[in-house]
Amino acid sequence: MKLALVAATGRTGRHTLTTALERGHDVTVLVRDPDRLPGTARDHVRAVVGDSTDPEAIADLLSGADAVVSALGPTGKQPDLHTRTARAFVDVMSTTGPRRFVGVSGAGIDVPGDLKAPKDKAISWLIRTLGGDIVKDKPAEYAIWAASGLNWTLVRPPRLVDGPPSDKPLEHDAHRSTRSTSITRADLAAFLLDVVERDLYPCTAPFVATPRR
């Protein structure tokens, strides 16, 4: 599969890039600094230099792609980054394709149909109340993709941690919150690729977590 990967140099993106190449995908990455790409990957990807909100860079990134995978995470410097990125990608994808997008949201947002446990509802309320502008970015991003008419998935992980991939099946569900409260970045990367490869959870925002040991 020809994948367009956003945020390939980030802490989750590096895992996503490495795993995508190990699985045999043809990967084009959108990066600000190609020198930050993992050394083992630089000779095996096409790099587009630019910003995730730049229409020209996005059009170049998406040329010939079958799907987009975004490992873009939050940043305090740009609290509306996900909203602006979503608008830019929807504009280009609606015109030229591809139709498939898989990205990362957060377990703290609520979407129609959710069956969160009481403790998770309380956590979500606290996040929304205390999180500031950067927290408002995630629901706004969701609203843009939900109205886009494209085939999107926004994965909702809990707390991200470093660690090896799990040797057990991950917890995931469209609307029921997970029992585990964390996920390794390696597991999240693998799940993003599972979703795009198997076309899981179309037009849905599934929860996912590393199972408890």
C-alpha atoms as a PDB file:
ATOM      1  CA  MET A   1       0.000   0.000   0.000  1.00  0.00           C
ATOM      2  CA  LYS A   2       1.180   3.535  -0.741  1.00  0.00           C
ATOM      3  CA  LEU A   3       0.927   5.472   2.503  1.00  0.00           C
ATOM      4  CA  ALA A   4       1.261   9.194   3.174  1.00  0.00           C
ATOM      5  CA  LEU A   5       2.579   9.595   6.722  1.00  0.00           C
ATOM      6  CA  VAL A   6       2.320  12.781   8.784  1.00  0.00           C
ATOM      7  CA  ALA A   7       4.603  13.462  11.790  1.00  0.00           C
ATOM      8  CA  ALA A   8       7.060  10.676  10.996  1.00  0.00           C
ATOM      9  CA  THR A   9       9.747  12.188  13.235  1.00  0.00           C
ATOM     10  CA  GLY A  10       7.598  12.350  16.372  1.00  0.00           C
ATOM     11  CA  ARG A  11       7.699   9.893  19.264  1.00  0.00           C
ATOM     12  CA  THR A  12       4.778   7.871  17.885  1.00  0.00           C
ATOM     13  CA  GLY A  13       5.522   8.686  14.247  1.00  0.00           C
ATOM     14  CA  ARG A  14       8.954   7.061  14.370  1.00  0.00           C
ATOM     15  CA  HIS A  15       7.361   3.794  15.444  1.00  0.00           C
ATOM     16  CA  THR A  16       4.703   4.178  12.755  1.00  0.00           C
ATOM     17  CA  LEU A  17       7.284   4.766  10.036  1.00  0.00           C
ATOM     18  CA  THR A  18       9.494   1.864  11.073  1.00  0.00           C
ATOM     19  CA  THR A  19       6.563  -0.530  11.345  1.00  0.00           C
ATOM     20  CA  ALA A  20       5.085   0.587   8.011  1.00  0.00           C
ATOM     21  CA  LEU A  21       8.371  -0.109   6.249  1.00  0.00           C
ATOM     22  CA  GLU A  22       8.721  -3.474   8.001  1.00  0.00           C
ATOM     23  CA  ARG A  23       5.264  -4.375   6.703  1.00  0.00           C
ATOM     24  CA  GLY A  24       6.326  -3.557   3.160  1.00  0.00           C
ATOM     25  CA  HIS A  25       4.443  -0.321   2.560  1.00  0.00           C
ATOM     26  CA  ASP A  26       5.604   2.362   0.125  1.00  0.00           C
ATOM     27  CA  VAL A  27       5.813   5.427   2.381  1.00  0.00           C
ATOM     28  CA  THR A  28       5.954   9.152   1.659  1.00  0.00           C
ATOM     29  CA  VAL A  29       6.455  11.365   4.701  1.00  0.00           C
ATOM     30  CA  LEU A  30       5.660  15.003   5.443  1.00  0.00           C
ATOM     31  CA  VAL A  31       8.368  16.486   7.650  1.00  0.00           C
ATOM     32  CA  ARG A  32       9.802  19.875   8.489  1.00  0.00           C
ATOM     33  CA  ASP A  33      13.340  18.526   8.822  1.00  0.00           C
ATOM     34  CA  PRO A  34      14.282  15.360   6.880  1.00  0.00           C
ATOM     35  CA  ASP A  35      17.467  15.054   8.940  1.00  0.00           C
ATOM     36  CA  ARG A  36      15.322  14.057  11.912  1.00  0.00           C
ATOM     37  CA  LEU A  37      14.099  10.920  10.160  1.00  0.00           C
ATOM     38  CA  PRO A  38      15.454   7.663  11.610  1.00  0.00           C
ATOM     39  CA  GLY A  39      18.708   6.872   9.835  1.00  0.00           C
ATOM     40  CA  THR A  40      17.563   3.409   8.779  1.00  0.00           C
ATOM     41  CA  ALA A  41      14.479   4.872   7.068  1.00  0.00           C
ATOM     42  CA  ARG A  42      15.894   7.819   5.142  1.00  0.00           C
ATOM     43  CA  ASP A  43      16.846   5.821   2.066  1.00  0.00           C
ATOM     44  CA  HIS A  44      13.501   4.020   1.925  1.00  0.00           C
ATOM     45  CA  VAL A  45      10.988   6.884   1.901  1.00  0.00           C
ATOM     46  CA  ARG A  46      10.120   9.902  -0.196  1.00  0.00           C
ATOM     47  CA  ALA A  47      10.250  13.000   1.979  1.00  0.00           C
ATOM     48  CA  VAL A  48       8.105  16.080   1.382  1.00  0.00           C
ATOM     49  CA  VAL A  49       9.348  19.082   3.331  1.00  0.00           C
ATOM     50  CA  GLY A  50       6.570  21.259   4.662  1.00  0.00           C
ATOM     51  CA  ASP A  51       3.893  21.921   7.241  1.00  0.00           C
ATOM     52  CA  SER A  52       0.761  19.868   7.917  1.00  0.00           C
ATOM     53  CA  THR A  53      -1.406  22.913   7.132  1.00  0.00           C
ATOM     54  CA  ASP A  54       0.289  23.830   3.821  1.00  0.00           C
ATOM     55  CA  PRO A  55      -1.978  22.888   0.865  1.00  0.00           C
ATOM     56  CA  GLU A  56       0.911  22.637  -1.612  1.00  0.00           C
ATOM     57  CA  ALA A  57       2.937  20.329   0.637  1.00  0.00           C
ATOM     58  CA  ILE A  58      -0.158  18.237   1.353  1.00  0.00           C
ATOM     59  CA  ALA A  59      -0.937  17.888  -2.358  1.00  0.00           C
ATOM     60  CA  ASP A  60       2.627  16.705  -2.994  1.00  0.00           C
ATOM     61  CA  LEU A  61       2.434  14.282  -0.064  1.00  0.00           C
ATOM     62  CA  LEU A  62      -0.845  12.775  -1.252  1.00  0.00           C
ATOM     63  CA  SER A  63       0.159  12.326  -4.886  1.00  0.00           C
ATOM     64  CA  GLY A  64      -0.392   8.648  -5.687  1.00  0.00           C
ATOM     65  CA  ALA A  65      -1.204   7.689  -2.089  1.00  0.00           C
ATOM     66  CA  ASP A  66      -3.797   5.071  -1.197  1.00  0.00           C
ATOM     67  CA  ALA A  67      -4.317   6.399   2.339  1.00  0.00           C
ATOM     68  CA  VAL A  68      -3.086   8.916   4.900  1.00  0.00           C
ATOM     69  CA  VAL A  69      -1.821   7.965   8.359  1.00  0.00           C
ATOM     70  CA  SER A  70      -1.208  10.795  10.824  1.00  0.00           C
ATOM     71  CA  ALA A  71       0.709  10.374  14.069  1.00  0.00           C
ATOM     72  CA  LEU A  72       0.448  14.104  14.779  1.00  0.00           C
ATOM     73  CA  GLY A  73       0.426  14.862  18.499  1.00  0.00           C
ATOM     74  CA  PRO A  74      -0.571  17.948  20.496  1.00  0.00           C
ATOM     75  CA  THR A  75       1.715  20.925  20.876  1.00  0.00           C
ATOM     76  CA  GLY A  76       1.346  23.835  23.252  1.00  0.00           C
ATOM     77  CA  LYS A  77       2.872  26.197  20.721  1.00  0.00           C
ATOM     78  CA  GLN A  78      -0.007  25.641  18.281  1.00  0.00           C
ATOM     79  CA  PRO A  79      -3.138  24.800  20.311  1.00  0.00           C
ATOM     80  CA  ASP A  80      -5.337  24.641  17.196  1.00  0.00           C
ATOM     81  CA  LEU A  81      -2.925  22.602  15.072  1.00  0.00           C
ATOM     82  CA  HIS A  82      -5.185  19.561  14.659  1.00  0.00           C
ATOM     83  CA  THR A  83      -8.153  21.661  13.617  1.00  0.00           C
ATOM     84  CA  ARG A  84      -6.147  23.555  11.007  1.00  0.00           C
ATOM     85  CA  THR A  85      -4.513  20.337   9.801  1.00  0.00           C
ATOM     86  CA  ALA A  86      -7.903  18.644   9.442  1.00  0.00           C
ATOM     87  CA  ARG A  87      -9.289  21.520   7.400  1.00  0.00           C
ATOM     88  CA  ALA A  88      -6.268  21.511   5.097  1.00  0.00           C
ATOM     89  CA  PHE A  89      -6.325  17.749   4.523  1.00  0.00           C
ATOM     90  CA  VAL A  90     -10.086  17.609   3.996  1.00  0.00           C
ATOM     91  CA  ASP A  91      -9.840  20.354   1.369  1.00  0.00           C
ATOM     92  CA  VAL A  92      -7.134  18.536  -0.611  1.00  0.00           C
ATOM     93  CA  MET A  93      -8.457  15.004  -0.145  1.00  0.00           C
ATOM     94  CA  SER A  94     -11.990  16.001  -1.174  1.00  0.00           C
ATOM     95  CA  THR A  95     -10.602  17.269  -4.463  1.00  0.00           C
ATOM     96  CA  THR A  96      -7.787  14.883  -5.377  1.00  0.00           C
ATOM     97  CA  GLY A  97      -7.967  11.969  -2.921  1.00  0.00           C
ATOM     98  CA  PRO A  98      -7.191   9.620  -1.371  1.00  0.00           C
ATOM     99  CA  ARG A  99     -10.405   9.111   0.562  1.00  0.00           C
ATOM    100  CA  ARG A 100      -8.920   7.257   3.555  1.00  0.00           C
ATOM    101  CA  PHE A 101      -7.478   9.010   6.629  1.00  0.00           C
ATOM    102  CA  VAL A 102      -6.386   7.490   9.944  1.00  0.00           C
ATOM    103  CA  GLY A 103      -5.225   9.805  12.728  1.00  0.00           C
ATOM    104  CA  VAL A 104      -4.787  10.147  16.473  1.00  0.00           C
ATOM    105  CA  SER A 105      -7.277  11.908  18.745  1.00  0.00           C
ATOM    106  CA  GLY A 106      -7.586  11.351  22.503  1.00  0.00           C
ATOM    107  CA  ALA A 107      -9.594   9.274  24.970  1.00  0.00           C
ATOM    108  CA  GLY A 108     -10.759  12.481  26.668  1.00  0.00           C
ATOM    109  CA  ILE A 109     -13.101  13.559  23.886  1.00  0.00           C
ATOM    110  CA  ASP A 110     -16.730  12.409  23.720  1.00  0.00           C
ATOM    111  CA  VAL A 111     -18.497  11.356  20.534  1.00  0.00           C
ATOM    112  CA  PRO A 112     -22.094  10.264  19.833  1.00  0.00           C
ATOM    113  CA  GLY A 113     -22.791   6.708  20.937  1.00  0.00           C
ATOM    114  CA  ASP A 114     -20.093   6.537  23.635  1.00  0.00           C
ATOM    115  CA  LEU A 115     -20.557   4.137  26.552  1.00  0.00           C
ATOM    116  CA  LYS A 116     -17.802   5.360  28.824  1.00  0.00           C
ATOM    117  CA  ALA A 117     -17.406   4.028  32.344  1.00  0.00           C
ATOM    118  CA  PRO A 118     -18.258   6.558  35.106  1.00  0.00           C
ATOM    119  CA  LYS A 119     -14.590   7.106  35.998  1.00  0.00           C
ATOM    120  CA  ASP A 120     -13.774   7.803  32.350  1.00  0.00           C
ATOM    121  CA  LYS A 121     -16.650  10.269  32.102  1.00  0.00           C
ATOM    122  CA  ALA A 122     -15.243  12.072  35.115  1.00  0.00           C
ATOM    123  CA  ILE A 123     -11.746  12.122  33.615  1.00  0.00           C
ATOM    124  CA  SER A 124     -13.109  13.477  30.342  1.00  0.00           C
ATOM    125  CA  TRP A 125     -14.917  16.250  32.226  1.00  0.00           C
ATOM    126  CA  LEU A 126     -11.748  17.187  34.083  1.00  0.00           C
ATOM    127  CA  ILE A 127      -9.725  17.246  30.877  1.00  0.00           C
ATOM    128  CA  ARG A 128     -12.265  19.475  29.151  1.00  0.00           C
ATOM    129  CA  THR A 129     -12.508  21.771  32.167  1.00  0.00           C
ATOM    130  CA  LEU A 130      -8.821  22.152  32.945  1.00  0.00           C
ATOM    131  CA  GLY A 131      -7.096  21.436  29.643  1.00  0.00           C
ATOM    132  CA  GLY A 132      -7.340  24.857  28.020  1.00  0.00           C
ATOM    133  CA  ASP A 133      -7.309  25.621  24.299  1.00  0.00           C
ATOM    134  CA  ILE A 134      -5.287  22.558  23.340  1.00  0.00           C
ATOM    135  CA  VAL A 135      -8.103  20.302  24.607  1.00  0.00           C
ATOM    136  CA  LYS A 136     -10.726  22.185  22.573  1.00  0.00           C
ATOM    137  CA  ASP A 137      -8.696  21.356  19.465  1.00  0.00           C
ATOM    138  CA  LYS A 138      -9.581  17.650  19.551  1.00  0.00           C
ATOM    139  CA  PRO A 139     -13.410  17.927  19.467  1.00  0.00           C
ATOM    140  CA  ALA A 140     -13.119  20.578  16.760  1.00  0.00           C
ATOM    141  CA  GLU A 141     -10.917  18.252  14.712  1.00  0.00           C
ATOM    142  CA  TYR A 142     -13.444  15.439  15.149  1.00  0.00           C
ATOM    143  CA  ALA A 143     -16.278  17.673  13.938  1.00  0.00           C
ATOM    144  CA  ILE A 144     -14.390  18.507  10.750  1.00  0.00           C
ATOM    145  CA  TRP A 145     -13.711  14.878   9.871  1.00  0.00           C
ATOM    146  CA  ALA A 146     -17.245  13.806  10.813  1.00  0.00           C
ATOM    147  CA  ALA A 147     -18.672  16.322   8.336  1.00  0.00           C
ATOM    148  CA  SER A 148     -16.104  15.652   5.608  1.00  0.00           C
ATOM    149  CA  GLY A 149     -17.767  12.838   3.672  1.00  0.00           C
ATOM    150  CA  LEU A 150     -14.413  11.028   3.616  1.00  0.00           C
ATOM    151  CA  ASN A 151     -13.499   7.621   5.042  1.00  0.00           C
ATOM    152  CA  TRP A 152     -11.794   8.684   8.261  1.00  0.00           C
ATOM    153  CA  THR A 153     -10.856   7.091  11.588  1.00  0.00           C
ATOM    154  CA  LEU A 154      -9.644   9.019  14.646  1.00  0.00           C
ATOM    155  CA  VAL A 155      -8.076   6.647  17.168  1.00  0.00           C
ATOM    156  CA  ARG A 156      -8.584   7.595  20.834  1.00  0.00           C
ATOM    157  CA  PRO A 157      -5.688   6.351  22.983  1.00  0.00           C
ATOM    158  CA  PRO A 158      -5.332   6.959  26.730  1.00  0.00           C
ATOM    159  CA  ARG A 159      -1.987   7.997  28.263  1.00  0.00           C
ATOM    160  CA  LEU A 160       0.953   7.346  25.899  1.00  0.00           C
ATOM    161  CA  VAL A 161       4.024   5.650  27.352  1.00  0.00           C
ATOM    162  CA  ASP A 162       7.278   4.249  26.035  1.00  0.00           C
ATOM    163  CA  GLY A 163       7.851   0.515  26.014  1.00  0.00           C
ATOM    164  CA  PRO A 164       7.951  -2.573  23.827  1.00  0.00           C
ATOM    165  CA  PRO A 165       4.948  -3.714  21.800  1.00  0.00           C
ATOM    166  CA  SER A 166       2.503  -5.960  23.631  1.00  0.00           C
ATOM    167  CA  ASP A 167       2.504  -9.698  22.994  1.00  0.00           C
ATOM    168  CA  LYS A 168      -1.252  -9.751  23.646  1.00  0.00           C
ATOM    169  CA  PRO A 169      -4.140  -8.432  21.526  1.00  0.00           C
ATOM    170  CA  LEU A 170      -4.834  -4.768  22.167  1.00  0.00           C
ATOM    171  CA  GLU A 171      -8.027  -3.571  23.804  1.00  0.00           C
ATOM    172  CA  HIS A 172     -10.136  -1.615  21.319  1.00  0.00           C
ATOM    173  CA  ASP A 173     -13.773  -0.733  20.819  1.00  0.00           C
ATOM    174  CA  ALA A 174     -15.746   1.886  18.924  1.00  0.00           C
ATOM    175  CA  HIS A 175     -17.508   3.318  21.977  1.00  0.00           C
ATOM    176  CA  ARG A 176     -16.647   1.434  25.171  1.00  0.00           C
ATOM    177  CA  SER A 177     -13.691   2.841  27.077  1.00  0.00           C
ATOM    178  CA  THR A 178     -10.817   0.460  27.725  1.00  0.00           C
ATOM    179  CA  ARG A 179     -10.002  -1.041  31.123  1.00  0.00           C
ATOM    180  CA  SER A 180      -6.332  -0.199  30.671  1.00  0.00           C
ATOM    181  CA  THR A 181      -5.385   3.453  31.106  1.00  0.00           C
ATOM    182  CA  SER A 182      -2.258   3.545  28.934  1.00  0.00           C
ATOM    183  CA  ILE A 183      -0.842   2.448  25.594  1.00  0.00           C
ATOM    184  CA  THR A 184       2.731   2.177  24.391  1.00  0.00           C
ATOM    185  CA  ARG A 185       3.646   4.285  21.399  1.00  0.00           C
ATOM    186  CA  ALA A 186       4.741   1.105  19.623  1.00  0.00           C
ATOM    187  CA  ASP A 187       1.278  -0.418  20.123  1.00  0.00           C
ATOM    188  CA  LEU A 188      -0.458   2.753  18.956  1.00  0.00           C
ATOM    189  CA  ALA A 189       1.682   2.821  15.809  1.00  0.00           C
ATOM    190  CA  ALA A 190       0.871  -0.805  15.041  1.00  0.00           C
ATOM    191  CA  PHE A 191      -2.847  -0.176  15.605  1.00  0.00           C
ATOM    192  CA  LEU A 192      -2.900   2.820  13.263  1.00  0.00           C
ATOM    193  CA  LEU A 193      -1.478   0.589  10.536  1.00  0.00           C
ATOM    194  CA  ASP A 194      -3.881  -2.258  11.357  1.00  0.00           C
ATOM    195  CA  VAL A 195      -6.769   0.181  10.944  1.00  0.00           C
ATOM    196  CA  VAL A 196      -5.642   1.397   7.546  1.00  0.00           C
ATOM    197  CA  GLU A 197      -4.631  -2.045   6.252  1.00  0.00           C
ATOM    198  CA  ARG A 198      -7.877  -3.747   7.271  1.00  0.00           C
ATOM    199  CA  ASP A 199     -10.140  -0.706   6.876  1.00  0.00           C
ATOM    200  CA  LEU A 200     -11.264  -0.961  10.485  1.00  0.00           C
ATOM    201  CA  TYR A 201     -13.619   1.506  12.182  1.00  0.00           C
ATOM    202  CA  PRO A 202     -14.624   3.637   9.166  1.00  0.00           C
ATOM    203  CA  CYS A 203     -16.036   7.033  10.167  1.00  0.00           C
ATOM    204  CA  THR A 204     -15.550   6.119  13.835  1.00  0.00           C
ATOM    205  CA  ALA A 205     -13.285   7.157  16.720  1.00  0.00           C
ATOM    206  CA  PRO A 206     -12.308   3.902  18.477  1.00  0.00           C
ATOM    207  CA  PHE A 207     -10.661   3.586  21.862  1.00  0.00           C
ATOM    208  CA  VAL A 208      -7.464   1.520  22.038  1.00  0.00           C
ATOM    209  CA  ALA A 209      -5.085   0.578  24.858  1.00  0.00           C
ATOM    210  CA  THR A 210      -2.268  -1.803  25.712  1.00  0.00           C
ATOM    211  CA  PRO A 211      -3.787  -4.601  27.830  1.00  0.00           C
ATOM    212  CA  ARG A 212      -2.794  -4.839  31.453  1.00  0.00           C
ATOM    213  CA  ARG A 213      -0.160  -7.443  32.226  1.00  0.00           C
END
